[in-house]
C-alpha cells in the first residue's frame, strides 16, 4: 500500500539538488527520476518536489519486509532538514509514534494476509480463523470484530441505520449497494493488526515463511 506524506512549511522547500546533497551526506543512496523526483534505493521512499509552489511530498510503499522504524526516522529527519511538519494524507499532522503505528499496522495487516493464505494452502485455515477471531474479540469486548478474508483486514460488523451502527451514506462508501438494515464490515481505526500479528506469529510460527514476514 502506498502512503503519501506532505511537509507543510512556512518557508520555501529546499530544491531537488539540496535534498540530493542532504541524502548523500546522510549516506542514503538514491536515483534521480526526472527533474523533480528522488527515489531511495534502500527504502521504498520517493521524494517529489514541486518547483512551481516549492512544496515537498513523499510516497511510501509499505511491504511486509520494510524496516518501518528506519523509514519513520528518515521521514522525521527530513522534516527537520526542511523545517516542516509531517502530514499523512487522510489523517493530518502526525507525530513520529503516530506514523509508526499507522505504517506498522498496515505492514502487519499484509503479514496476516500472507499467513492466512499460507494456512489455506496447508489446509488449516479454519482453525487459524477461529483462533484469530478469539484473540481479536478478546481485545474488543462488546464489539463484533473479526478478520475479513475477502478484504484482508480486520473489520467491525455494524448495522446500517442503527444509532450505534453506521449511517447509510457512510456504508455506501464501503459497499456501494448497502441498504438500511444491512450489516457492513467497517475497517477498524485502532491498530489491531499489530496485536493480531504478534499473536499469530508466535501461535503459528510455521506460517511465518521464507518470504521474510517475521
N, C-alpha and C. Protein backbone atom coordinates (compact mmCIF):
# COMPACT_ATOMS: atom_id res chain seq x y z
N UNK A 1 0.85 -1.19 0.00
CA UNK A 1 0.00 0.00 0.00
C UNK A 1 0.88 1.24 0.00
N UNK A 2 0.44 2.25 -0.75
CA UNK A 2 1.20 3.50 -0.84
C UNK A 2 0.60 4.57 0.06
N UNK A 3 1.43 5.21 0.86
CA UNK A 3 1.02 6.33 1.70
C UNK A 3 1.68 7.59 1.16
N UNK A 4 0.96 8.70 1.25
CA UNK A 4 1.51 9.99 0.81
C UNK A 4 1.68 10.91 2.01
N UNK A 5 2.87 11.47 2.11
CA UNK A 5 3.20 12.39 3.20
C UNK A 5 3.46 13.78 2.63
N UNK A 6 2.94 14.78 3.30
CA UNK A 6 3.21 16.16 2.93
C UNK A 6 4.05 16.82 4.02
N UNK A 7 4.81 17.84 3.62
CA UNK A 7 5.70 18.55 4.54
C UNK A 7 5.40 20.04 4.47
N UNK A 8 4.27 20.46 5.06
CA UNK A 8 3.90 21.88 5.00
C UNK A 8 4.86 22.74 5.80
N UNK A 9 5.31 23.83 5.19
CA UNK A 9 6.27 24.71 5.84
C UNK A 9 5.95 26.15 5.47
N UNK A 10 6.29 27.07 6.36
CA UNK A 10 6.10 28.49 6.07
C UNK A 10 7.23 29.06 5.25
N UNK A 11 8.27 28.30 5.08
CA UNK A 11 9.42 28.74 4.28
C UNK A 11 9.53 27.86 3.04
N UNK A 12 10.18 28.35 1.99
CA UNK A 12 10.31 27.56 0.76
C UNK A 12 11.03 26.24 1.02
N UNK A 13 10.56 25.19 0.38
CA UNK A 13 11.19 23.88 0.49
C UNK A 13 12.51 23.86 -0.27
N UNK A 14 13.54 23.23 0.27
CA UNK A 14 14.80 23.11 -0.48
C UNK A 14 14.55 22.42 -1.83
N UNK A 15 15.32 22.81 -2.83
CA UNK A 15 15.17 22.23 -4.15
C UNK A 15 15.69 20.81 -4.21
N UNK A 16 15.53 20.19 -5.38
CA UNK A 16 15.95 18.81 -5.57
C UNK A 16 17.45 18.65 -5.33
N UNK A 17 18.24 19.59 -5.81
CA UNK A 17 19.70 19.48 -5.64
C UNK A 17 20.08 19.51 -4.16
N UNK A 18 19.45 20.39 -3.39
CA UNK A 18 19.75 20.49 -1.96
C UNK A 18 19.34 19.20 -1.23
N UNK A 19 18.19 18.64 -1.60
CA UNK A 19 17.75 17.39 -0.99
C UNK A 19 18.67 16.24 -1.38
N UNK A 20 19.14 16.26 -2.62
CA UNK A 20 20.07 15.22 -3.08
C UNK A 20 21.38 15.30 -2.28
N UNK A 21 21.86 16.52 -2.04
CA UNK A 21 23.08 16.69 -1.24
C UNK A 21 22.87 16.17 0.18
N UNK A 22 21.70 16.46 0.75
CA UNK A 22 21.42 16.01 2.11
C UNK A 22 21.38 14.49 2.18
N UNK A 23 20.73 13.84 1.21
CA UNK A 23 20.68 12.37 1.19
C UNK A 23 22.08 11.78 1.06
N UNK A 24 22.91 12.40 0.24
CA UNK A 24 24.28 11.92 0.07
C UNK A 24 25.05 12.01 1.38
N UNK A 25 24.90 13.15 2.08
CA UNK A 25 25.58 13.32 3.36
C UNK A 25 25.05 12.35 4.41
N UNK A 26 23.77 12.00 4.29
CA UNK A 26 23.15 11.07 5.25
C UNK A 26 23.47 9.61 4.91
N UNK A 27 24.15 9.39 3.79
CA UNK A 27 24.52 8.03 3.40
C UNK A 27 23.38 7.23 2.82
N UNK A 28 22.38 7.92 2.25
CA UNK A 28 21.23 7.25 1.65
C UNK A 28 21.37 7.25 0.12
N UNK A 29 21.66 6.10 -0.49
CA UNK A 29 21.75 6.06 -1.96
C UNK A 29 20.39 6.30 -2.60
N UNK A 30 20.39 6.94 -3.75
CA UNK A 30 19.13 7.29 -4.41
C UNK A 30 19.36 7.41 -5.91
N UNK A 31 18.26 7.44 -6.64
CA UNK A 31 18.28 7.70 -8.08
C UNK A 31 17.44 8.93 -8.35
N UNK A 32 17.86 9.70 -9.34
CA UNK A 32 17.04 10.85 -9.77
C UNK A 32 16.16 10.40 -10.91
N UNK A 33 14.85 10.47 -10.68
CA UNK A 33 13.88 10.09 -11.70
C UNK A 33 13.25 11.37 -12.26
N UNK A 34 13.85 11.89 -13.30
CA UNK A 34 13.36 13.15 -13.84
C UNK A 34 13.88 14.33 -13.05
N UNK A 35 13.41 15.52 -13.36
CA UNK A 35 13.96 16.73 -12.73
C UNK A 35 13.47 16.99 -11.31
N UNK A 36 12.43 16.28 -10.85
CA UNK A 36 11.84 16.66 -9.56
C UNK A 36 11.64 15.50 -8.60
N UNK A 37 12.18 14.32 -8.90
CA UNK A 37 11.91 13.14 -8.07
C UNK A 37 13.21 12.44 -7.66
N UNK A 38 13.31 12.12 -6.38
CA UNK A 38 14.43 11.34 -5.85
C UNK A 38 13.87 10.05 -5.28
N UNK A 39 14.35 8.92 -5.78
CA UNK A 39 13.88 7.61 -5.32
C UNK A 39 14.99 6.91 -4.56
N UNK A 40 14.75 6.66 -3.27
CA UNK A 40 15.77 5.99 -2.47
C UNK A 40 15.91 4.53 -2.89
N UNK A 41 17.11 4.03 -2.79
CA UNK A 41 17.37 2.64 -3.18
C UNK A 41 17.18 1.66 -2.02
N UNK A 42 17.52 2.09 -0.82
CA UNK A 42 17.47 1.18 0.33
C UNK A 42 16.11 1.16 1.01
N UNK A 43 15.28 2.16 0.75
CA UNK A 43 13.96 2.25 1.36
C UNK A 43 12.93 2.58 0.27
N UNK A 44 11.70 2.10 0.40
CA UNK A 44 10.65 2.38 -0.60
C UNK A 44 10.07 3.77 -0.41
N UNK A 45 10.89 4.79 -0.64
CA UNK A 45 10.51 6.18 -0.41
C UNK A 45 10.89 7.02 -1.61
N UNK A 46 9.92 7.80 -2.11
CA UNK A 46 10.16 8.71 -3.23
C UNK A 46 9.85 10.13 -2.78
N UNK A 47 10.77 11.05 -3.04
CA UNK A 47 10.58 12.45 -2.70
C UNK A 47 10.25 13.21 -3.96
N UNK A 48 9.19 13.99 -3.92
CA UNK A 48 8.74 14.74 -5.09
C UNK A 48 8.67 16.22 -4.75
N UNK A 49 9.44 17.01 -5.47
CA UNK A 49 9.50 18.45 -5.24
C UNK A 49 8.72 19.16 -6.34
N UNK A 50 7.79 19.99 -5.93
CA UNK A 50 7.05 20.81 -6.89
C UNK A 50 7.73 22.17 -6.97
N UNK A 51 8.48 22.39 -8.04
CA UNK A 51 9.25 23.63 -8.16
C UNK A 51 8.35 24.85 -8.28
N UNK A 52 7.14 24.66 -8.82
CA UNK A 52 6.24 25.78 -9.05
C UNK A 52 5.81 26.43 -7.73
N UNK A 53 5.40 25.60 -6.77
CA UNK A 53 4.96 26.19 -5.49
C UNK A 53 5.90 25.85 -4.34
N UNK A 54 7.05 25.25 -4.69
CA UNK A 54 8.11 24.97 -3.70
C UNK A 54 7.58 24.13 -2.53
N UNK A 55 6.89 23.06 -2.86
CA UNK A 55 6.38 22.15 -1.84
C UNK A 55 7.01 20.77 -2.03
N UNK A 56 6.95 19.98 -0.98
CA UNK A 56 7.55 18.64 -0.97
C UNK A 56 6.53 17.63 -0.50
N UNK A 57 6.52 16.49 -1.16
CA UNK A 57 5.73 15.36 -0.66
C UNK A 57 6.55 14.09 -0.84
N UNK A 58 6.17 13.06 -0.11
CA UNK A 58 6.86 11.78 -0.19
C UNK A 58 5.84 10.67 -0.36
N UNK A 59 6.21 9.68 -1.13
CA UNK A 59 5.37 8.50 -1.30
C UNK A 59 6.10 7.30 -0.70
N UNK A 60 5.39 6.60 0.18
CA UNK A 60 5.96 5.46 0.91
C UNK A 60 5.20 4.21 0.51
N UNK A 61 5.93 3.19 0.09
CA UNK A 61 5.31 1.92 -0.30
C UNK A 61 5.60 0.89 0.78
N UNK A 62 4.55 0.50 1.53
CA UNK A 62 4.73 -0.46 2.61
C UNK A 62 4.61 -1.89 2.08
N UNK A 63 5.56 -2.73 2.47
CA UNK A 63 5.56 -4.16 2.16
C UNK A 63 5.82 -4.91 3.46
N UNK A 64 5.66 -6.24 3.47
CA UNK A 64 5.93 -6.99 4.70
C UNK A 64 7.37 -6.91 5.18
N UNK A 65 8.30 -6.53 4.29
CA UNK A 65 9.71 -6.55 4.65
C UNK A 65 10.30 -5.19 5.01
N UNK A 66 9.57 -4.12 4.82
CA UNK A 66 10.12 -2.77 5.03
C UNK A 66 10.54 -2.55 6.48
N UNK A 67 11.73 -2.01 6.74
CA UNK A 67 12.12 -1.64 8.11
C UNK A 67 11.41 -0.34 8.51
N UNK A 68 10.25 -0.49 9.13
CA UNK A 68 9.37 0.66 9.38
C UNK A 68 10.04 1.71 10.27
N UNK A 69 10.72 1.28 11.32
CA UNK A 69 11.33 2.26 12.21
C UNK A 69 12.36 3.11 11.48
N UNK A 70 13.19 2.48 10.67
CA UNK A 70 14.20 3.24 9.92
C UNK A 70 13.54 4.21 8.95
N UNK A 71 12.45 3.77 8.34
CA UNK A 71 11.73 4.62 7.41
C UNK A 71 11.14 5.84 8.12
N UNK A 72 10.53 5.61 9.27
CA UNK A 72 9.93 6.72 10.04
C UNK A 72 11.01 7.68 10.51
N UNK A 73 12.12 7.14 10.99
CA UNK A 73 13.22 8.00 11.43
C UNK A 73 13.69 8.91 10.30
N UNK A 74 13.84 8.35 9.10
CA UNK A 74 14.30 9.16 7.98
C UNK A 74 13.30 10.24 7.62
N UNK A 75 12.02 9.91 7.65
CA UNK A 75 10.98 10.89 7.35
C UNK A 75 11.07 12.08 8.29
N UNK A 76 11.28 11.82 9.58
CA UNK A 76 11.31 12.92 10.54
C UNK A 76 12.66 13.65 10.54
N UNK A 77 13.73 12.95 10.20
CA UNK A 77 14.99 13.65 9.98
C UNK A 77 14.83 14.62 8.81
N UNK A 78 14.14 14.17 7.78
CA UNK A 78 13.89 15.02 6.62
C UNK A 78 13.03 16.22 7.00
N UNK A 79 12.03 16.01 7.83
CA UNK A 79 11.15 17.12 8.22
C UNK A 79 11.93 18.20 8.96
N UNK A 80 12.91 17.78 9.78
CA UNK A 80 13.76 18.75 10.47
C UNK A 80 14.62 19.49 9.46
N UNK A 81 15.15 18.76 8.48
CA UNK A 81 16.01 19.37 7.47
C UNK A 81 15.29 20.45 6.68
N UNK A 82 14.02 20.20 6.35
CA UNK A 82 13.27 21.17 5.53
C UNK A 82 12.46 22.13 6.39
N UNK A 83 12.49 21.96 7.72
CA UNK A 83 11.77 22.87 8.61
C UNK A 83 10.27 22.77 8.47
N UNK A 84 9.76 21.55 8.43
CA UNK A 84 8.33 21.36 8.19
C UNK A 84 7.74 20.31 9.12
N UNK A 85 6.42 20.35 9.26
CA UNK A 85 5.70 19.28 9.94
C UNK A 85 5.54 18.11 8.99
N UNK A 86 5.00 17.00 9.51
CA UNK A 86 4.71 15.84 8.68
C UNK A 86 3.21 15.59 8.72
N UNK A 87 2.59 15.52 7.55
CA UNK A 87 1.17 15.23 7.45
C UNK A 87 0.97 13.97 6.62
N UNK A 88 0.12 13.08 7.14
CA UNK A 88 -0.22 11.86 6.43
C UNK A 88 -1.57 12.06 5.76
N UNK A 89 -1.61 11.89 4.46
CA UNK A 89 -2.86 12.09 3.72
C UNK A 89 -3.97 11.23 4.33
N UNK A 90 -5.10 11.85 4.59
CA UNK A 90 -6.23 11.14 5.17
C UNK A 90 -6.26 11.17 6.69
N UNK A 91 -5.17 11.59 7.31
CA UNK A 91 -5.11 11.62 8.77
C UNK A 91 -4.72 12.99 9.31
N UNK A 92 -3.91 13.72 8.57
CA UNK A 92 -3.47 15.04 9.02
C UNK A 92 -2.09 15.00 9.64
N UNK A 93 -1.78 16.01 10.44
CA UNK A 93 -0.46 16.11 11.07
C UNK A 93 -0.23 14.92 11.99
N UNK A 94 0.97 14.34 11.92
CA UNK A 94 1.29 13.17 12.74
C UNK A 94 2.62 13.36 13.44
N UNK A 95 2.73 12.77 14.61
CA UNK A 95 4.00 12.68 15.31
C UNK A 95 4.69 11.39 14.91
N UNK A 96 5.92 11.25 15.33
CA UNK A 96 6.71 10.08 14.96
C UNK A 96 6.01 8.78 15.38
N UNK A 97 5.53 8.72 16.62
CA UNK A 97 4.89 7.49 17.10
C UNK A 97 3.61 7.18 16.35
N UNK A 98 2.84 8.21 16.02
CA UNK A 98 1.59 8.01 15.28
C UNK A 98 1.85 7.44 13.90
N UNK A 99 2.86 7.99 13.23
CA UNK A 99 3.19 7.49 11.89
C UNK A 99 3.68 6.05 11.96
N UNK A 100 4.52 5.76 12.97
CA UNK A 100 4.99 4.38 13.11
C UNK A 100 3.83 3.42 13.30
N UNK A 101 2.89 3.77 14.17
CA UNK A 101 1.74 2.91 14.41
C UNK A 101 0.95 2.64 13.14
N UNK A 102 0.73 3.69 12.35
CA UNK A 102 -0.08 3.53 11.14
C UNK A 102 0.62 2.66 10.12
N UNK A 103 1.91 2.89 9.91
CA UNK A 103 2.65 2.12 8.92
C UNK A 103 2.87 0.68 9.38
N UNK A 104 3.20 0.51 10.66
CA UNK A 104 3.43 -0.83 11.20
C UNK A 104 2.14 -1.66 11.19
N UNK A 105 1.01 -1.02 11.47
CA UNK A 105 -0.26 -1.73 11.45
C UNK A 105 -0.58 -2.20 10.04
N UNK A 106 -0.32 -1.36 9.06
CA UNK A 106 -0.54 -1.76 7.66
C UNK A 106 0.40 -2.90 7.28
N UNK A 107 1.63 -2.83 7.73
CA UNK A 107 2.57 -3.91 7.43
C UNK A 107 2.10 -5.23 8.04
N UNK A 108 1.63 -5.18 9.29
CA UNK A 108 1.17 -6.41 9.92
C UNK A 108 -0.13 -6.91 9.31
N UNK A 109 -0.95 -6.01 8.79
CA UNK A 109 -2.14 -6.45 8.05
C UNK A 109 -1.72 -7.29 6.85
N UNK A 110 -0.70 -6.85 6.13
CA UNK A 110 -0.21 -7.58 4.97
C UNK A 110 0.40 -8.91 5.39
N UNK A 111 1.10 -8.91 6.51
CA UNK A 111 1.69 -10.15 7.00
C UNK A 111 0.63 -11.17 7.38
N UNK A 112 -0.44 -10.71 8.04
CA UNK A 112 -1.55 -11.60 8.39
C UNK A 112 -2.17 -12.19 7.13
N UNK A 113 -2.38 -11.35 6.13
CA UNK A 113 -2.98 -11.83 4.88
C UNK A 113 -2.11 -12.91 4.25
N UNK A 114 -0.80 -12.72 4.25
CA UNK A 114 0.11 -13.73 3.70
C UNK A 114 0.03 -15.03 4.50
N UNK A 115 -0.01 -14.90 5.84
CA UNK A 115 -0.04 -16.08 6.70
C UNK A 115 -1.35 -16.85 6.53
N UNK A 116 -2.46 -16.13 6.43
CA UNK A 116 -3.76 -16.78 6.25
C UNK A 116 -3.80 -17.50 4.90
N UNK A 117 -3.24 -16.88 3.88
CA UNK A 117 -3.19 -17.53 2.57
C UNK A 117 -2.37 -18.82 2.65
N UNK A 118 -1.26 -18.76 3.37
CA UNK A 118 -0.42 -19.94 3.53
C UNK A 118 -1.16 -21.02 4.33
N UNK A 119 -1.94 -20.61 5.34
CA UNK A 119 -2.74 -21.56 6.11
C UNK A 119 -3.73 -22.28 5.20
N UNK A 120 -4.32 -21.53 4.26
CA UNK A 120 -5.24 -22.15 3.30
C UNK A 120 -4.54 -23.18 2.44
N UNK A 121 -3.32 -22.86 2.00
CA UNK A 121 -2.55 -23.79 1.18
C UNK A 121 -2.23 -25.07 1.95
N UNK A 122 -2.09 -24.94 3.28
CA UNK A 122 -1.71 -26.09 4.11
C UNK A 122 -2.91 -26.78 4.75
N UNK A 123 -4.10 -26.26 4.50
CA UNK A 123 -5.31 -26.95 4.95
C UNK A 123 -5.73 -26.69 6.38
N UNK A 124 -5.17 -25.71 7.06
CA UNK A 124 -5.59 -25.44 8.45
C UNK A 124 -6.14 -24.02 8.60
N UNK A 125 -6.70 -23.49 7.53
CA UNK A 125 -7.24 -22.13 7.54
C UNK A 125 -8.37 -21.96 8.55
N UNK A 126 -9.26 -22.97 8.65
CA UNK A 126 -10.42 -22.86 9.54
C UNK A 126 -10.00 -22.70 10.99
N UNK A 127 -9.01 -23.48 11.44
CA UNK A 127 -8.55 -23.38 12.82
C UNK A 127 -7.86 -22.04 13.07
N UNK A 128 -7.07 -21.59 12.12
CA UNK A 128 -6.40 -20.30 12.26
C UNK A 128 -7.43 -19.18 12.37
N UNK A 129 -8.47 -19.23 11.53
CA UNK A 129 -9.53 -18.23 11.57
C UNK A 129 -10.19 -18.20 12.95
N UNK A 130 -10.52 -19.37 13.47
CA UNK A 130 -11.21 -19.45 14.76
C UNK A 130 -10.34 -18.87 15.88
N UNK A 131 -9.08 -19.28 15.91
CA UNK A 131 -8.19 -18.79 16.96
C UNK A 131 -7.93 -17.29 16.81
N UNK A 132 -7.77 -16.83 15.58
CA UNK A 132 -7.53 -15.41 15.32
C UNK A 132 -8.74 -14.59 15.77
N UNK A 133 -9.93 -15.07 15.46
CA UNK A 133 -11.14 -14.36 15.86
C UNK A 133 -11.22 -14.23 17.38
N UNK A 134 -10.87 -15.30 18.11
CA UNK A 134 -10.95 -15.26 19.57
C UNK A 134 -10.01 -14.20 20.15
N UNK A 135 -8.82 -14.08 19.58
CA UNK A 135 -7.87 -13.08 20.07
C UNK A 135 -8.38 -11.67 19.79
N UNK A 136 -8.84 -11.44 18.56
CA UNK A 136 -9.34 -10.11 18.19
C UNK A 136 -10.56 -9.74 19.03
N UNK A 137 -11.46 -10.71 19.23
CA UNK A 137 -12.67 -10.45 20.01
C UNK A 137 -12.32 -10.14 21.46
N UNK A 138 -11.32 -10.81 22.01
CA UNK A 138 -10.91 -10.55 23.39
C UNK A 138 -10.37 -9.14 23.57
N UNK A 139 -9.77 -8.61 22.49
CA UNK A 139 -9.21 -7.25 22.54
C UNK A 139 -10.28 -6.19 22.29
N UNK A 140 -11.48 -6.61 21.88
CA UNK A 140 -12.54 -5.65 21.55
C UNK A 140 -13.86 -6.09 22.18
N UNK A 141 -13.95 -6.14 23.51
CA UNK A 141 -15.18 -6.61 24.16
C UNK A 141 -16.38 -5.75 23.81
N UNK A 142 -17.50 -6.44 23.59
CA UNK A 142 -18.74 -5.74 23.27
C UNK A 142 -18.88 -5.35 21.81
N UNK A 143 -17.91 -5.73 20.98
CA UNK A 143 -17.96 -5.38 19.56
C UNK A 143 -17.81 -6.65 18.73
N UNK A 144 -18.40 -6.64 17.55
CA UNK A 144 -18.28 -7.79 16.64
C UNK A 144 -17.14 -7.49 15.67
N UNK A 145 -15.94 -7.82 16.09
CA UNK A 145 -14.74 -7.51 15.31
C UNK A 145 -14.12 -8.82 14.85
N UNK A 146 -13.73 -8.88 13.57
CA UNK A 146 -13.18 -10.12 13.02
C UNK A 146 -12.31 -9.84 11.81
N UNK A 147 -11.57 -10.87 11.38
CA UNK A 147 -10.75 -10.78 10.17
C UNK A 147 -11.64 -11.03 8.96
N UNK A 148 -11.65 -10.09 8.02
CA UNK A 148 -12.39 -10.23 6.76
C UNK A 148 -11.42 -10.75 5.71
N UNK A 149 -11.55 -12.01 5.34
CA UNK A 149 -10.58 -12.60 4.43
C UNK A 149 -10.73 -12.09 3.01
N UNK A 150 -11.94 -11.63 2.66
CA UNK A 150 -12.12 -11.07 1.32
C UNK A 150 -11.40 -9.74 1.17
N UNK A 151 -11.48 -8.90 2.20
CA UNK A 151 -10.84 -7.59 2.14
C UNK A 151 -9.46 -7.59 2.78
N UNK A 152 -9.12 -8.71 3.42
CA UNK A 152 -7.79 -8.91 4.01
C UNK A 152 -7.47 -7.83 5.05
N UNK A 153 -8.41 -7.66 5.97
CA UNK A 153 -8.20 -6.70 7.06
C UNK A 153 -9.18 -6.99 8.19
N UNK A 154 -8.92 -6.41 9.34
CA UNK A 154 -9.82 -6.55 10.48
C UNK A 154 -10.92 -5.51 10.35
N UNK A 155 -12.17 -5.96 10.53
CA UNK A 155 -13.31 -5.06 10.41
C UNK A 155 -14.23 -5.24 11.61
N UNK A 156 -15.06 -4.23 11.84
CA UNK A 156 -16.12 -4.33 12.83
C UNK A 156 -17.45 -4.39 12.10
N UNK A 157 -18.28 -5.38 12.41
CA UNK A 157 -19.58 -5.51 11.76
C UNK A 157 -20.57 -4.56 12.44
N UNK A 158 -21.13 -3.65 11.64
CA UNK A 158 -22.08 -2.66 12.14
C UNK A 158 -23.33 -2.66 11.27
N UNK A 159 -24.48 -2.43 11.90
CA UNK A 159 -25.74 -2.41 11.17
C UNK A 159 -25.99 -1.02 10.60
N UNK A 160 -26.41 -0.98 9.36
CA UNK A 160 -26.67 0.28 8.67
C UNK A 160 -27.95 0.91 9.19
N UNK A 161 -27.86 2.17 9.62
CA UNK A 161 -29.05 2.90 10.04
C UNK A 161 -29.30 2.87 11.53
N UNK A 162 -28.61 2.00 12.27
CA UNK A 162 -28.81 1.92 13.71
C UNK A 162 -28.04 3.05 14.41
N UNK A 163 -28.56 3.57 15.54
CA UNK A 163 -27.87 4.66 16.25
C UNK A 163 -26.42 4.32 16.60
N UNK A 164 -26.18 3.07 16.98
CA UNK A 164 -24.82 2.68 17.34
C UNK A 164 -24.11 1.98 16.18
N UNK A 165 -24.73 2.06 15.00
CA UNK A 165 -24.14 1.42 13.83
C UNK A 165 -23.45 2.41 12.91
N UNK A 166 -23.86 2.42 11.66
CA UNK A 166 -23.24 3.27 10.66
C UNK A 166 -24.33 3.86 9.78
N UNK A 167 -24.15 5.10 9.35
CA UNK A 167 -25.16 5.74 8.51
C UNK A 167 -25.14 5.12 7.11
N UNK A 168 -26.24 5.29 6.40
CA UNK A 168 -26.33 4.74 5.04
C UNK A 168 -25.28 5.38 4.13
N UNK A 169 -25.06 6.68 4.28
CA UNK A 169 -24.07 7.37 3.44
C UNK A 169 -22.67 6.81 3.69
N UNK A 170 -22.34 6.59 4.96
CA UNK A 170 -21.03 6.03 5.27
C UNK A 170 -20.90 4.60 4.77
N UNK A 171 -21.98 3.84 4.90
CA UNK A 171 -21.96 2.44 4.46
C UNK A 171 -21.75 2.33 2.95
N UNK A 172 -22.35 3.25 2.20
CA UNK A 172 -22.23 3.19 0.75
C UNK A 172 -20.81 3.48 0.26
N UNK A 173 -20.03 4.16 1.08
CA UNK A 173 -18.62 4.36 0.73
C UNK A 173 -17.88 3.03 0.76
N UNK A 174 -18.31 2.14 1.67
CA UNK A 174 -17.67 0.84 1.82
C UNK A 174 -18.29 -0.19 0.89
N UNK A 175 -19.62 -0.22 0.85
CA UNK A 175 -20.36 -1.15 -0.01
C UNK A 175 -21.38 -0.34 -0.79
N UNK A 176 -21.17 -0.17 -2.08
CA UNK A 176 -22.00 0.75 -2.88
C UNK A 176 -23.48 0.39 -2.88
N UNK A 177 -23.79 -0.89 -2.73
CA UNK A 177 -25.20 -1.32 -2.78
C UNK A 177 -25.80 -1.50 -1.38
N UNK A 178 -25.16 -0.95 -0.35
CA UNK A 178 -25.66 -1.11 1.02
C UNK A 178 -27.03 -0.47 1.17
N UNK A 179 -27.87 -1.10 2.04
CA UNK A 179 -29.20 -0.59 2.32
C UNK A 179 -29.44 -0.58 3.83
N UNK A 180 -30.48 0.13 4.26
CA UNK A 180 -30.84 0.17 5.68
C UNK A 180 -31.05 -1.25 6.19
N UNK A 181 -30.48 -1.54 7.36
CA UNK A 181 -30.64 -2.86 7.95
C UNK A 181 -29.54 -3.84 7.60
N UNK A 182 -28.74 -3.53 6.57
CA UNK A 182 -27.62 -4.40 6.22
C UNK A 182 -26.55 -4.34 7.30
N UNK A 183 -25.71 -5.37 7.33
CA UNK A 183 -24.56 -5.39 8.22
C UNK A 183 -23.31 -5.21 7.36
N UNK A 184 -22.52 -4.21 7.70
CA UNK A 184 -21.35 -3.85 6.89
C UNK A 184 -20.09 -3.98 7.74
N UNK A 185 -19.04 -4.52 7.13
CA UNK A 185 -17.76 -4.61 7.79
C UNK A 185 -16.99 -3.31 7.64
N UNK A 186 -16.79 -2.59 8.74
CA UNK A 186 -16.12 -1.29 8.73
C UNK A 186 -14.68 -1.46 9.22
N UNK A 187 -13.70 -1.03 8.43
CA UNK A 187 -12.31 -1.15 8.88
C UNK A 187 -12.12 -0.51 10.26
N UNK A 188 -11.41 -1.20 11.15
CA UNK A 188 -11.20 -0.67 12.50
C UNK A 188 -10.17 0.46 12.45
N UNK A 189 -10.35 1.42 13.35
CA UNK A 189 -9.44 2.56 13.39
C UNK A 189 -8.20 2.27 14.22
N UNK A 190 -8.35 1.47 15.27
CA UNK A 190 -7.23 1.19 16.14
C UNK A 190 -6.29 0.15 15.52
N UNK A 191 -5.02 0.14 15.92
CA UNK A 191 -4.04 -0.75 15.30
C UNK A 191 -4.13 -2.19 15.79
N UNK A 192 -5.26 -2.86 15.52
CA UNK A 192 -5.45 -4.23 15.98
C UNK A 192 -4.61 -5.23 15.20
N UNK A 193 -4.19 -4.86 13.98
CA UNK A 193 -3.36 -5.80 13.22
C UNK A 193 -2.02 -6.05 13.92
N UNK A 194 -1.52 -5.05 14.61
CA UNK A 194 -0.28 -5.22 15.37
C UNK A 194 -0.43 -6.31 16.42
N UNK A 195 -1.51 -6.25 17.17
CA UNK A 195 -1.78 -7.25 18.19
C UNK A 195 -2.00 -8.62 17.56
N UNK A 196 -2.82 -8.66 16.52
CA UNK A 196 -3.15 -9.93 15.88
C UNK A 196 -1.92 -10.61 15.30
N UNK A 197 -1.02 -9.81 14.72
CA UNK A 197 0.18 -10.41 14.15
C UNK A 197 1.12 -10.91 15.24
N UNK A 198 1.22 -10.16 16.34
CA UNK A 198 2.06 -10.61 17.45
C UNK A 198 1.63 -11.99 17.91
N UNK A 199 0.30 -12.17 18.03
CA UNK A 199 -0.20 -13.47 18.45
C UNK A 199 0.02 -14.52 17.37
N UNK A 200 -0.36 -14.20 16.14
CA UNK A 200 -0.32 -15.18 15.05
C UNK A 200 1.10 -15.69 14.79
N UNK A 201 2.07 -14.78 14.85
CA UNK A 201 3.44 -15.16 14.54
C UNK A 201 4.06 -16.05 15.61
N UNK A 202 3.50 -15.99 16.84
CA UNK A 202 4.01 -16.86 17.90
C UNK A 202 3.17 -18.14 18.03
N UNK A 203 1.86 -18.04 17.78
CA UNK A 203 0.98 -19.21 17.89
C UNK A 203 1.15 -20.16 16.70
N UNK A 204 1.46 -19.59 15.54
CA UNK A 204 1.62 -20.39 14.32
C UNK A 204 2.93 -20.01 13.63
N UNK A 205 4.07 -20.28 14.26
CA UNK A 205 5.35 -19.88 13.67
C UNK A 205 5.61 -20.50 12.30
N UNK A 206 4.99 -21.63 12.02
CA UNK A 206 5.19 -22.27 10.71
C UNK A 206 4.60 -21.45 9.58
N UNK A 207 3.71 -20.52 9.92
CA UNK A 207 3.10 -19.67 8.88
C UNK A 207 3.97 -18.46 8.57
N UNK A 208 5.00 -18.25 9.37
CA UNK A 208 5.95 -17.17 9.10
C UNK A 208 7.01 -17.80 8.20
N UNK A 209 6.81 -17.67 6.90
CA UNK A 209 7.60 -18.44 5.94
C UNK A 209 8.81 -17.68 5.43
N UNK A 210 9.42 -18.23 4.43
CA UNK A 210 10.67 -17.69 3.88
C UNK A 210 10.51 -16.35 3.17
N UNK A 211 9.28 -15.84 3.09
CA UNK A 211 9.07 -14.54 2.43
C UNK A 211 9.51 -13.38 3.32
N UNK A 212 9.98 -13.67 4.52
CA UNK A 212 10.54 -12.61 5.36
C UNK A 212 9.53 -11.80 6.11
N UNK A 213 8.38 -12.41 6.50
CA UNK A 213 7.33 -11.65 7.16
C UNK A 213 7.44 -11.68 8.68
N UNK A 214 8.62 -12.00 9.18
CA UNK A 214 8.77 -12.04 10.64
C UNK A 214 9.16 -10.69 11.19
